Amino acid sequence: MVKWKSIVILAGMMLSVASAAAEYSNIRPLLMHAIDAPDGKSAGMLIGPVAEKIVSTTGSSAPVRAEVTTIKSFEQEGCKRLNVRLSQANVLTKDGKKMVLAMDYAINLCRDGSPPIEGMGVEHAGKAL
């Protein structure tokens, strides 16, 4: 009996640690982490002006989650195409049902903040650098 009680307590502790996601006031640290992460992923809760705008627009008080995943690695060192997903639970639809609202966008980014040169025409590469 004691063994099961210990397992339940341990499971509860693990769930509370997992649910305490890091908070970010902007998406940049998540982008940089995904570029460097072995699995190409990062995630956390978005706070600050962008999150406040989403909350005021949707009317949901649920936190705004940000997830970044790598779509493609460019030949240029430290450069990737990343997918950014911002999501929020408990958003009411027109018919009164609750849903998870998710917005995705992709960005080509290098660790130094510049866009990768790969795929850029010569005339555009000079402007980017």
C-alpha atoms as a PDB file:
ATOM      1  CA  MET A   1       0.000   0.000   0.000  1.00  0.00           C
ATOM      2  CA  VAL A   2       2.833   2.386   0.834  1.00  0.00           C
ATOM      3  CA  LYS A   3       4.400   1.682  -2.547  1.00  0.00           C
ATOM      4  CA  TRP A   4       1.275   2.867  -4.439  1.00  0.00           C
ATOM      5  CA  LYS A   5       1.034   5.973  -2.278  1.00  0.00           C
ATOM      6  CA  SER A   6       4.658   6.865  -3.132  1.00  0.00           C
ATOM      7  CA  ILE A   7       3.986   6.363  -6.840  1.00  0.00           C
ATOM      8  CA  VAL A   8       0.911   8.614  -6.711  1.00  0.00           C
ATOM      9  CA  ILE A   9       2.830  11.353  -4.864  1.00  0.00           C
ATOM     10  CA  LEU A  10       5.731  11.104  -7.321  1.00  0.00           C
ATOM     11  CA  ALA A  11       3.382  11.271 -10.316  1.00  0.00           C
ATOM     12  CA  GLY A  12       1.697  14.362  -8.865  1.00  0.00           C
ATOM     13  CA  MET A  13       5.062  16.049  -8.358  1.00  0.00           C
ATOM     14  CA  MET A  14       6.084  15.283 -11.940  1.00  0.00           C
ATOM     15  CA  LEU A  15       2.824  16.728 -13.295  1.00  0.00           C
ATOM     16  CA  SER A  16       3.215  19.937 -11.298  1.00  0.00           C
ATOM     17  CA  VAL A  17       6.779  20.419 -12.578  1.00  0.00           C
ATOM     18  CA  ALA A  18       5.687  19.735 -16.175  1.00  0.00           C
ATOM     19  CA  SER A  19       2.822  22.210 -15.952  1.00  0.00           C
ATOM     20  CA  ALA A  20       5.094  25.010 -14.680  1.00  0.00           C
ATOM     21  CA  ALA A  21       6.314  26.042 -18.128  1.00  0.00           C
ATOM     22  CA  ALA A  22       8.773  28.893 -18.489  1.00  0.00           C
ATOM     23  CA  GLU A  23       7.312  32.296 -19.317  1.00  0.00           C
ATOM     24  CA  TYR A  24       8.582  34.562 -22.084  1.00  0.00           C
ATOM     25  CA  SER A  25       7.713  38.183 -22.825  1.00  0.00           C
ATOM     26  CA  ASN A  26       8.682  37.685 -26.480  1.00  0.00           C
ATOM     27  CA  ILE A  27       9.233  34.788 -28.829  1.00  0.00           C
ATOM     28  CA  ARG A  28      12.952  35.382 -29.564  1.00  0.00           C
ATOM     29  CA  PRO A  29      14.394  33.172 -26.763  1.00  0.00           C
ATOM     30  CA  LEU A  30      12.204  30.296 -27.929  1.00  0.00           C
ATOM     31  CA  LEU A  31      13.392  30.755 -31.517  1.00  0.00           C
ATOM     32  CA  MET A  32      17.044  30.724 -30.454  1.00  0.00           C
ATOM     33  CA  HIS A  33      16.529  27.697 -28.224  1.00  0.00           C
ATOM     34  CA  ALA A  34      14.875  25.764 -31.069  1.00  0.00           C
ATOM     35  CA  ILE A  35      17.796  26.603 -33.391  1.00  0.00           C
ATOM     36  CA  ASP A  36      20.246  25.118 -30.859  1.00  0.00           C
ATOM     37  CA  ALA A  37      18.111  22.299 -29.420  1.00  0.00           C
ATOM     38  CA  PRO A  38      19.062  18.762 -30.499  1.00  0.00           C
ATOM     39  CA  ASP A  39      15.399  17.984 -31.213  1.00  0.00           C
ATOM     40  CA  GLY A  40      14.791  21.414 -32.810  1.00  0.00           C
ATOM     41  CA  LYS A  41      11.957  22.279 -30.414  1.00  0.00           C
ATOM     42  CA  SER A  42      11.168  24.728 -27.641  1.00  0.00           C
ATOM     43  CA  ALA A  43       8.023  25.767 -25.793  1.00  0.00           C
ATOM     44  CA  GLY A  44       6.773  28.038 -23.071  1.00  0.00           C
ATOM     45  CA  MET A  45       4.055  30.441 -22.014  1.00  0.00           C
ATOM     46  CA  LEU A  46       3.876  33.847 -23.645  1.00  0.00           C
ATOM     47  CA  ILE A  47       3.297  36.852 -21.388  1.00  0.00           C
ATOM     48  CA  GLY A  48       3.378  40.593 -21.954  1.00  0.00           C
ATOM     49  CA  PRO A  49       1.862  42.785 -24.691  1.00  0.00           C
ATOM     50  CA  VAL A  50       1.468  40.103 -27.379  1.00  0.00           C
ATOM     51  CA  ALA A  51      -0.214  37.682 -24.981  1.00  0.00           C
ATOM     52  CA  GLU A  52      -2.385  40.482 -23.592  1.00  0.00           C
ATOM     53  CA  LYS A  53      -3.529  41.368 -27.129  1.00  0.00           C
ATOM     54  CA  ILE A  54      -4.455  37.740 -27.814  1.00  0.00           C
ATOM     55  CA  VAL A  55      -6.337  37.482 -24.491  1.00  0.00           C
ATOM     56  CA  SER A  56      -8.239  40.718 -25.135  1.00  0.00           C
ATOM     57  CA  THR A  57      -9.112  39.608 -28.674  1.00  0.00           C
ATOM     58  CA  THR A  58     -10.283  36.090 -27.784  1.00  0.00           C
ATOM     59  CA  GLY A  59     -11.891  36.858 -24.430  1.00  0.00           C
ATOM     60  CA  SER A  60     -10.318  33.739 -22.933  1.00  0.00           C
ATOM     61  CA  SER A  61      -8.283  34.084 -19.755  1.00  0.00           C
ATOM     62  CA  ALA A  62      -6.337  30.894 -20.507  1.00  0.00           C
ATOM     63  CA  PRO A  63      -2.568  31.313 -20.900  1.00  0.00           C
ATOM     64  CA  VAL A  64      -1.054  31.704 -24.358  1.00  0.00           C
ATOM     65  CA  ARG A  65       1.291  28.837 -25.213  1.00  0.00           C
ATOM     66  CA  ALA A  66       4.136  29.204 -27.695  1.00  0.00           C
ATOM     67  CA  GLU A  67       5.706  26.197 -29.407  1.00  0.00           C
ATOM     68  CA  VAL A  68       8.581  26.405 -31.883  1.00  0.00           C
ATOM     69  CA  THR A  69       9.569  23.457 -34.074  1.00  0.00           C
ATOM     70  CA  THR A  70      12.210  23.141 -36.748  1.00  0.00           C
ATOM     71  CA  ILE A  71      10.896  22.580 -40.260  1.00  0.00           C
ATOM     72  CA  LYS A  72      14.225  22.640 -42.100  1.00  0.00           C
ATOM     73  CA  SER A  73      17.929  23.130 -41.423  1.00  0.00           C
ATOM     74  CA  PHE A  74      19.750  25.268 -43.961  1.00  0.00           C
ATOM     75  CA  GLU A  75      23.298  24.548 -45.108  1.00  0.00           C
ATOM     76  CA  GLN A  76      24.393  27.823 -43.489  1.00  0.00           C
ATOM     77  CA  GLU A  77      25.474  27.027 -39.917  1.00  0.00           C
ATOM     78  CA  GLY A  78      22.920  27.990 -37.252  1.00  0.00           C
ATOM     79  CA  CYS A  79      20.141  28.760 -39.740  1.00  0.00           C
ATOM     80  CA  LYS A  80      16.735  27.077 -39.744  1.00  0.00           C
ATOM     81  CA  ARG A  81      13.176  27.393 -40.967  1.00  0.00           C
ATOM     82  CA  LEU A  82      11.012  27.411 -37.860  1.00  0.00           C
ATOM     83  CA  ASN A  83       7.298  26.977 -37.290  1.00  0.00           C
ATOM     84  CA  VAL A  84       5.844  29.096 -34.492  1.00  0.00           C
ATOM     85  CA  ARG A  85       2.507  28.055 -33.011  1.00  0.00           C
ATOM     86  CA  LEU A  86       0.681  30.317 -30.581  1.00  0.00           C
ATOM     87  CA  SER A  87      -2.307  28.651 -28.956  1.00  0.00           C
ATOM     88  CA  GLN A  88      -4.887  29.402 -26.314  1.00  0.00           C
ATOM     89  CA  ALA A  89      -7.542  27.147 -24.801  1.00  0.00           C
ATOM     90  CA  ASN A  90     -11.119  27.974 -23.860  1.00  0.00           C
ATOM     91  CA  VAL A  91     -11.797  30.381 -26.719  1.00  0.00           C
ATOM     92  CA  LEU A  92     -15.528  30.686 -27.336  1.00  0.00           C
ATOM     93  CA  THR A  93     -16.813  30.090 -30.848  1.00  0.00           C
ATOM     94  CA  LYS A  94     -19.801  31.928 -32.342  1.00  0.00           C
ATOM     95  CA  ASP A  95     -22.058  29.050 -31.317  1.00  0.00           C
ATOM     96  CA  GLY A  96     -20.846  29.201 -27.686  1.00  0.00           C
ATOM     97  CA  LYS A  97     -18.571  26.153 -27.727  1.00  0.00           C
ATOM     98  CA  LYS A  98     -15.040  26.301 -26.327  1.00  0.00           C
ATOM     99  CA  MET A  99     -12.086  25.445 -28.525  1.00  0.00           C
ATOM    100  CA  VAL A 100      -8.323  25.756 -28.705  1.00  0.00           C
ATOM    101  CA  LEU A 101      -7.335  28.629 -30.974  1.00  0.00           C
ATOM    102  CA  ALA A 102      -4.010  28.041 -32.739  1.00  0.00           C
ATOM    103  CA  MET A 103      -2.088  30.364 -35.027  1.00  0.00           C
ATOM    104  CA  ASP A 104       0.931  29.160 -36.988  1.00  0.00           C
ATOM    105  CA  TYR A 105       3.563  31.034 -38.922  1.00  0.00           C
ATOM    106  CA  ALA A 106       6.976  30.120 -40.293  1.00  0.00           C
ATOM    107  CA  ILE A 107      10.201  32.105 -40.238  1.00  0.00           C
ATOM    108  CA  ASN A 108      13.661  31.610 -41.717  1.00  0.00           C
ATOM    109  CA  LEU A 109      16.182  32.640 -39.072  1.00  0.00           C
ATOM    110  CA  CYS A 110      19.849  32.355 -38.174  1.00  0.00           C
ATOM    111  CA  ARG A 111      21.309  32.345 -34.691  1.00  0.00           C
ATOM    112  CA  ASP A 112      22.633  35.910 -35.212  1.00  0.00           C
ATOM    113  CA  GLY A 113      19.120  37.171 -36.011  1.00  0.00           C
ATOM    114  CA  SER A 114      19.639  37.505 -39.758  1.00  0.00           C
ATOM    115  CA  PRO A 115      17.802  35.512 -42.442  1.00  0.00           C
ATOM    116  CA  PRO A 116      19.687  32.654 -44.121  1.00  0.00           C
ATOM    117  CA  ILE A 117      21.272  33.469 -47.460  1.00  0.00           C
ATOM    118  CA  GLU A 118      20.305  30.099 -48.962  1.00  0.00           C
ATOM    119  CA  GLY A 119      17.470  30.541 -51.438  1.00  0.00           C
ATOM    120  CA  MET A 120      17.910  34.314 -51.606  1.00  0.00           C
ATOM    121  CA  GLY A 121      18.672  35.932 -54.919  1.00  0.00           C
ATOM    122  CA  VAL A 122      21.971  37.812 -55.106  1.00  0.00           C
ATOM    123  CA  GLU A 123      20.146  41.145 -55.281  1.00  0.00           C
ATOM    124  CA  HIS A 124      18.307  40.396 -52.005  1.00  0.00           C
ATOM    125  CA  ALA A 125      21.314  38.966 -50.122  1.00  0.00           C
ATOM    126  CA  GLY A 126      23.097  42.335 -50.084  1.00  0.00           C
ATOM    127  CA  LYS A 127      20.042  44.059 -48.591  1.00  0.00           C
ATOM    128  CA  ALA A 128      19.648  41.410 -45.871  1.00  0.00           C
ATOM    129  CA  LEU A 129      23.266  41.668 -44.798  1.00  0.00           C
END
